[in-house]
């Protein structure tokens, strides 16, 4: 099956019919693109500040104990 277009009476394209494997491939590529955009955004916002994992766990525990 090839890509098909649905048109109005004037020949304007209104919709498209794709083979399911092509549709799924497009969805996968869109998901990957979204992940790349999120990664790039996170890299831009990264201040470089890091804390040791043990300190992070301690901070979480302190917040839990305050409740």
PDB file of N, CA and C in Angstrom:
ATOM      1  N   UNK A   1       0.844  -1.185   0.000  1.00  0.00           N
ATOM      2  CA  UNK A   1       0.000   0.000   0.000  1.00  0.00           C
ATOM      3  C   UNK A   1       0.885   1.243   0.000  1.00  0.00           C
ATOM      4  N   UNK A   2       0.501   2.214  -0.765  1.00  0.00           N
ATOM      5  CA  UNK A   2       1.249   3.464  -0.813  1.00  0.00           C
ATOM      6  C   UNK A   2       0.472   4.549  -0.078  1.00  0.00           C
ATOM      7  N   UNK A   3       1.104   5.660   0.125  1.00  0.00           N
ATOM      8  CA  UNK A   3       0.444   6.795   0.760  1.00  0.00           C
ATOM      9  C   UNK A   3      -0.649   7.310  -0.165  1.00  0.00           C
ATOM     10  N   UNK A   4      -1.819   7.563   0.426  1.00  0.00           N
ATOM     11  CA  UNK A   4      -2.953   8.067  -0.353  1.00  0.00           C
ATOM     12  C   UNK A   4      -3.447   9.363   0.280  1.00  0.00           C
ATOM     13  N   UNK A   5      -3.944  10.249  -0.562  1.00  0.00           N
ATOM     14  CA  UNK A   5      -4.481  11.516  -0.085  1.00  0.00           C
ATOM     15  C   UNK A   5      -5.980  11.572  -0.320  1.00  0.00           C
ATOM     16  N   UNK A   6      -6.687  12.144   0.628  1.00  0.00           N
ATOM     17  CA  UNK A   6      -8.111  12.415   0.476  1.00  0.00           C
ATOM     18  C   UNK A   6      -8.222  13.895   0.154  1.00  0.00           C
ATOM     19  N   UNK A   7      -8.940  14.201  -0.919  1.00  0.00           N
ATOM     20  CA  UNK A   7      -9.046  15.585  -1.375  1.00  0.00           C
ATOM     21  C   UNK A   7     -10.506  16.021  -1.440  1.00  0.00           C
ATOM     22  N   UNK A   8     -10.695  17.338  -1.448  1.00  0.00           N
ATOM     23  CA  UNK A   8     -12.048  17.864  -1.658  1.00  0.00           C
ATOM     24  C   UNK A   8     -12.295  17.981  -3.156  1.00  0.00           C
ATOM     25  N   UNK A   9     -13.442  18.540  -3.522  1.00  0.00           N
ATOM     26  CA  UNK A   9     -13.811  18.644  -4.943  1.00  0.00           C
ATOM     27  C   UNK A   9     -12.869  19.541  -5.737  1.00  0.00           C
ATOM     28  N   UNK A  10     -12.151  20.435  -5.042  1.00  0.00           N
ATOM     29  CA  UNK A  10     -11.214  21.325  -5.735  1.00  0.00           C
ATOM     30  C   UNK A  10      -9.802  20.735  -5.790  1.00  0.00           C
ATOM     31  N   UNK A  11      -9.617  19.558  -5.229  1.00  0.00           N
ATOM     32  CA  UNK A  11      -8.310  18.914  -5.252  1.00  0.00           C
ATOM     33  C   UNK A  11      -7.411  19.279  -4.081  1.00  0.00           C
ATOM     34  N   UNK A  12      -7.945  20.017  -3.115  1.00  0.00           N
ATOM     35  CA  UNK A  12      -7.167  20.366  -1.924  1.00  0.00           C
ATOM     36  C   UNK A  12      -7.038  19.142  -1.023  1.00  0.00           C
ATOM     37  N   UNK A  13      -5.834  18.872  -0.568  1.00  0.00           N
ATOM     38  CA  UNK A  13      -5.600  17.718   0.300  1.00  0.00           C
ATOM     39  C   UNK A  13      -6.207  17.974   1.674  1.00  0.00           C
ATOM     40  N   UNK A  14      -7.012  17.023   2.140  1.00  0.00           N
ATOM     41  CA  UNK A  14      -7.681  17.127   3.433  1.00  0.00           C
ATOM     42  C   UNK A  14      -7.126  16.153   4.454  1.00  0.00           C
ATOM     43  N   UNK A  15      -6.673  15.003   3.987  1.00  0.00           N
ATOM     44  CA  UNK A  15      -6.195  13.955   4.890  1.00  0.00           C
ATOM     45  C   UNK A  15      -5.257  13.042   4.123  1.00  0.00           C
ATOM     46  N   UNK A  16      -4.598  12.174   4.886  1.00  0.00           N
ATOM     47  CA  UNK A  16      -3.662  11.233   4.281  1.00  0.00           C
ATOM     48  C   UNK A  16      -3.895   9.851   4.876  1.00  0.00           C
ATOM     49  N   UNK A  17      -3.733   8.845   4.064  1.00  0.00           N
ATOM     50  CA  UNK A  17      -3.806   7.456   4.518  1.00  0.00           C
ATOM     51  C   UNK A  17      -2.414   6.861   4.336  1.00  0.00           C
ATOM     52  N   UNK A  18      -1.842   6.379   5.460  1.00  0.00           N
ATOM     53  CA  UNK A  18      -0.492   5.806   5.446  1.00  0.00           C
ATOM     54  C   UNK A  18      -0.555   4.324   5.783  1.00  0.00           C
ATOM     55  N   UNK A  19       0.383   3.551   5.250  1.00  0.00           N
ATOM     56  CA  UNK A  19       0.520   2.176   5.728  1.00  0.00           C
ATOM     57  C   UNK A  19       0.872   2.208   7.218  1.00  0.00           C
ATOM     58  N   UNK A  20       0.371   1.258   7.990  1.00  0.00           N
ATOM     59  CA  UNK A  20       0.552   1.270   9.440  1.00  0.00           C
ATOM     60  C   UNK A  20       2.024   1.265   9.840  1.00  0.00           C
ATOM     61  N   UNK A  21       2.861   0.532   9.106  1.00  0.00           N
ATOM     62  CA  UNK A  21       4.287   0.503   9.465  1.00  0.00           C
ATOM     63  C   UNK A  21       4.938   1.864   9.257  1.00  0.00           C
ATOM     64  N   UNK A  22       4.504   2.589   8.250  1.00  0.00           N
ATOM     65  CA  UNK A  22       5.041   3.936   8.019  1.00  0.00           C
ATOM     66  C   UNK A  22       4.552   4.892   9.116  1.00  0.00           C
ATOM     67  N   UNK A  23       3.284   4.768   9.498  1.00  0.00           N
ATOM     68  CA  UNK A  23       2.721   5.576  10.578  1.00  0.00           C
ATOM     69  C   UNK A  23       3.470   5.324  11.884  1.00  0.00           C
ATOM     70  N   UNK A  24       3.698   4.062  12.210  1.00  0.00           N
ATOM     71  CA  UNK A  24       4.418   3.718  13.440  1.00  0.00           C
ATOM     72  C   UNK A  24       5.842   4.261  13.429  1.00  0.00           C
ATOM     73  N   UNK A  25       6.487   4.215  12.274  1.00  0.00           N
ATOM     74  CA  UNK A  25       7.844   4.752  12.155  1.00  0.00           C
ATOM     75  C   UNK A  25       7.852   6.260  12.413  1.00  0.00           C
ATOM     76  N   UNK A  26       6.872   6.954  11.878  1.00  0.00           N
ATOM     77  CA  UNK A  26       6.768   8.399  12.103  1.00  0.00           C
ATOM     78  C   UNK A  26       6.569   8.692  13.586  1.00  0.00           C
ATOM     79  N   UNK A  27       5.703   7.918  14.258  1.00  0.00           N
ATOM     80  CA  UNK A  27       5.484   8.106  15.693  1.00  0.00           C
ATOM     81  C   UNK A  27       6.769   7.900  16.483  1.00  0.00           C
ATOM     82  N   UNK A  28       7.524   6.863  16.153  1.00  0.00           N
ATOM     83  CA  UNK A  28       8.788   6.596  16.844  1.00  0.00           C
ATOM     84  C   UNK A  28       9.765   7.748  16.658  1.00  0.00           C
ATOM     85  N   UNK A  29       9.847   8.262  15.444  1.00  0.00           N
ATOM     86  CA  UNK A  29      10.763   9.364  15.170  1.00  0.00           C
ATOM     87  C   UNK A  29      10.333  10.635  15.898  1.00  0.00           C
ATOM     88  N   UNK A  30       9.032  10.869  15.998  1.00  0.00           N
ATOM     89  CA  UNK A  30       8.546  12.033  16.744  1.00  0.00           C
ATOM     90  C   UNK A  30       8.868  11.909  18.228  1.00  0.00           C
ATOM     91  N   UNK A  31       8.712  10.710  18.780  1.00  0.00           N
ATOM     92  CA  UNK A  31       9.052  10.485  20.186  1.00  0.00           C
ATOM     93  C   UNK A  31      10.541  10.718  20.427  1.00  0.00           C
ATOM     94  N   UNK A  32      11.361  10.234  19.510  1.00  0.00           N
ATOM     95  CA  UNK A  32      12.807  10.428  19.646  1.00  0.00           C
ATOM     96  C   UNK A  32      13.161  11.912  19.559  1.00  0.00           C
ATOM     97  N   UNK A  33      12.520  12.619  18.651  1.00  0.00           N
ATOM     98  CA  UNK A  33      12.766  14.057  18.514  1.00  0.00           C
ATOM     99  C   UNK A  33      12.385  14.791  19.794  1.00  0.00           C
ATOM    100  N   UNK A  34      11.260  14.410  20.410  1.00  0.00           N
ATOM    101  CA  UNK A  34      10.840  15.038  21.662  1.00  0.00           C
ATOM    102  C   UNK A  34      11.870  14.785  22.758  1.00  0.00           C
ATOM    103  N   UNK A  35      12.400  13.567  22.817  1.00  0.00           N
ATOM    104  CA  UNK A  35      13.428  13.247  23.812  1.00  0.00           C
ATOM    105  C   UNK A  35      14.687  14.081  23.591  1.00  0.00           C
ATOM    106  N   UNK A  36      15.063  14.265  22.342  1.00  0.00           N
ATOM    107  CA  UNK A  36      16.237  15.082  22.020  1.00  0.00           C
ATOM    108  C   UNK A  36      16.002  16.531  22.452  1.00  0.00           C
ATOM    109  N   UNK A  37      14.804  17.051  22.184  1.00  0.00           N
ATOM    110  CA  UNK A  37      14.491  18.427  22.586  1.00  0.00           C
ATOM    111  C   UNK A  37      14.551  18.579  24.100  1.00  0.00           C
ATOM    112  N   UNK A  38      14.001  17.608  24.833  1.00  0.00           N
ATOM    113  CA  UNK A  38      14.035  17.667  26.297  1.00  0.00           C
ATOM    114  C   UNK A  38      15.466  17.599  26.816  1.00  0.00           C
ATOM    115  N   UNK A  39      16.290  16.755  26.203  1.00  0.00           N
ATOM    116  CA  UNK A  39      17.696  16.651  26.596  1.00  0.00           C
ATOM    117  C   UNK A  39      18.410  17.982  26.359  1.00  0.00           C
ATOM    118  N   UNK A  40      18.201  18.558  25.177  1.00  0.00           N
ATOM    119  CA  UNK A  40      18.843  19.836  24.858  1.00  0.00           C
ATOM    120  C   UNK A  40      18.411  20.928  25.828  1.00  0.00           C
ATOM    121  N   UNK A  41      17.122  20.953  26.182  1.00  0.00           N
ATOM    122  CA  UNK A  41      16.625  21.944  27.135  1.00  0.00           C
ATOM    123  C   UNK A  41      17.259  21.745  28.510  1.00  0.00           C
ATOM    124  N   UNK A  42      17.362  20.501  28.944  1.00  0.00           N
ATOM    125  CA  UNK A  42      17.975  20.214  30.243  1.00  0.00           C
ATOM    126  C   UNK A  42      19.444  20.628  30.246  1.00  0.00           C
ATOM    127  N   UNK A  43      20.154  20.384  29.157  1.00  0.00           N
ATOM    128  CA  UNK A  43      21.564  20.781  29.068  1.00  0.00           C
ATOM    129  C   UNK A  43      21.710  22.301  29.150  1.00  0.00           C
ATOM    130  N   UNK A  44      20.793  23.033  28.517  1.00  0.00           N
ATOM    131  CA  UNK A  44      20.850  24.503  28.560  1.00  0.00           C
ATOM    132  C   UNK A  44      20.626  25.021  29.977  1.00  0.00           C
ATOM    133  N   UNK A  45      19.743  24.363  30.720  1.00  0.00           N
ATOM    134  CA  UNK A  45      19.409  24.811  32.077  1.00  0.00           C
ATOM    135  C   UNK A  45      20.396  24.315  33.123  1.00  0.00           C
ATOM    136  N   UNK A  46      21.277  23.404  32.761  1.00  0.00           N
ATOM    137  CA  UNK A  46      22.215  22.808  33.717  1.00  0.00           C
ATOM    138  C   UNK A  46      23.202  23.851  34.217  1.00  0.00           C
ATOM    139  N   UNK A  47      23.240  24.016  35.536  1.00  0.00           N
ATOM    140  CA  UNK A  47      24.170  24.979  36.140  1.00  0.00           C
ATOM    141  C   UNK A  47      25.508  24.337  36.468  1.00  0.00           C
ATOM    142  N   UNK A  48      25.567  23.020  36.384  1.00  0.00           N
ATOM    143  CA  UNK A  48      26.794  22.313  36.724  1.00  0.00           C
ATOM    144  C   UNK A  48      26.885  21.951  38.190  1.00  0.00           C
ATOM    145  N   UNK A  49      25.939  22.454  38.989  1.00  0.00           N
ATOM    146  CA  UNK A  49      25.955  22.172  40.424  1.00  0.00           C
ATOM    147  C   UNK A  49      25.543  20.718  40.671  1.00  0.00           C
ATOM    148  N   UNK A  50      26.318  20.037  41.501  1.00  0.00           N
ATOM    149  CA  UNK A  50      26.035  18.641  41.851  1.00  0.00           C
ATOM    150  C   UNK A  50      26.193  18.482  43.353  1.00  0.00           C
ATOM    151  N   UNK A  51      25.437  17.524  43.912  1.00  0.00           N
ATOM    152  CA  UNK A  51      25.622  17.176  45.322  1.00  0.00           C
ATOM    153  C   UNK A  51      25.830  15.671  45.398  1.00  0.00           C
ATOM    154  N   UNK A  52      26.599  15.226  46.354  1.00  0.00           N
ATOM    155  CA  UNK A  52      26.813  13.785  46.501  1.00  0.00           C
ATOM    156  C   UNK A  52      25.481  13.068  46.762  1.00  0.00           C
ATOM    157  N   UNK A  53      25.370  11.853  46.270  1.00  0.00           N
ATOM    158  CA  UNK A  53      24.141  11.089  46.398  1.00  0.00           C
ATOM    159  C   UNK A  53      23.730  10.915  47.856  1.00  0.00           C
ATOM    160  N   UNK A  54      24.688  10.646  48.712  1.00  0.00           N
ATOM    161  CA  UNK A  54      24.384  10.455  50.132  1.00  0.00           C
ATOM    162  C   UNK A  54      23.756  11.717  50.727  1.00  0.00           C
ATOM    163  N   UNK A  55      24.264  12.882  50.334  1.00  0.00           N
ATOM    164  CA  UNK A  55      23.680  14.140  50.806  1.00  0.00           C
ATOM    165  C   UNK A  55      22.247  14.302  50.296  1.00  0.00           C
ATOM    166  N   UNK A  56      22.025  13.922  49.061  1.00  0.00           N
ATOM    167  CA  UNK A  56      20.679  14.012  48.496  1.00  0.00           C
ATOM    168  C   UNK A  56      19.716  13.117  49.262  1.00  0.00           C
ATOM    169  N   UNK A  57      20.143  11.886  49.564  1.00  0.00           N
ATOM    170  CA  UNK A  57      19.297  10.976  50.340  1.00  0.00           C
ATOM    171  C   UNK A  57      18.999  11.556  51.719  1.00  0.00           C
ATOM    172  N   UNK A  58      19.997  12.143  52.337  1.00  0.00           N
ATOM    173  CA  UNK A  58      19.800  12.750  53.659  1.00  0.00           C
ATOM    174  C   UNK A  58      18.803  13.907  53.603  1.00  0.00           C
ATOM    175  N   UNK A  59      18.896  14.720  52.562  1.00  0.00           N
ATOM    176  CA  UNK A  59      17.960  15.830  52.409  1.00  0.00           C
ATOM    177  C   UNK A  59      16.530  15.317  52.239  1.00  0.00           C
ATOM    178  N   UNK A  60      16.373  14.263  51.465  1.00  0.00           N
ATOM    179  CA  UNK A  60      15.046  13.677  51.257  1.00  0.00           C
ATOM    180  C   UNK A  60      14.498  13.126  52.566  1.00  0.00           C
ATOM    181  N   UNK A  61      15.326  12.423  53.291  1.00  0.00           N
ATOM    182  CA  UNK A  61      14.900  11.859  54.579  1.00  0.00           C
ATOM    183  C   UNK A  61      14.504  12.950  55.560  1.00  0.00           C
ATOM    184  N   UNK A  62      15.256  14.035  55.598  1.00  0.00           N
ATOM    185  CA  UNK A  62      14.928  15.151  56.489  1.00  0.00           C
ATOM    186  C   UNK A  62      13.554  15.725  56.159  1.00  0.00           C
ATOM    187  N   UNK A  63      13.262  15.879  54.872  1.00  0.00           N
ATOM    188  CA  UNK A  63      11.958  16.405  54.461  1.00  0.00           C
ATOM    189  C   UNK A  63      10.843  15.435  54.824  1.00  0.00           C
ATOM    190  N   UNK A  64      11.078  14.142  54.665  1.00  0.00           N
ATOM    191  CA  UNK A  64      10.066  13.139  55.016  1.00  0.00           C
ATOM    192  C   UNK A  64       9.785  13.156  56.515  1.00  0.00           C
ATOM    193  N   UNK A  65      10.817  13.330  57.309  1.00  0.00           N
ATOM    194  CA  UNK A  65      10.665  13.304  58.767  1.00  0.00           C
ATOM    195  C   UNK A  65       9.956  14.539  59.305  1.00  0.00           C
ATOM    196  N   UNK A  66       9.978  15.637  58.549  1.00  0.00           N
ATOM    197  CA  UNK A  66       9.321  16.870  58.988  1.00  0.00           C
ATOM    198  C   UNK A  66       7.805  16.783  58.853  1.00  0.00           C
ATOM    199  N   UNK A  67       7.310  15.864  58.068  1.00  0.00           N
ATOM    200  CA  UNK A  67       5.857  15.758  57.826  1.00  0.00           C
ATOM    201  C   UNK A  67       5.142  15.101  58.956  1.00  0.00           C
TER     202      UNK A  67
END
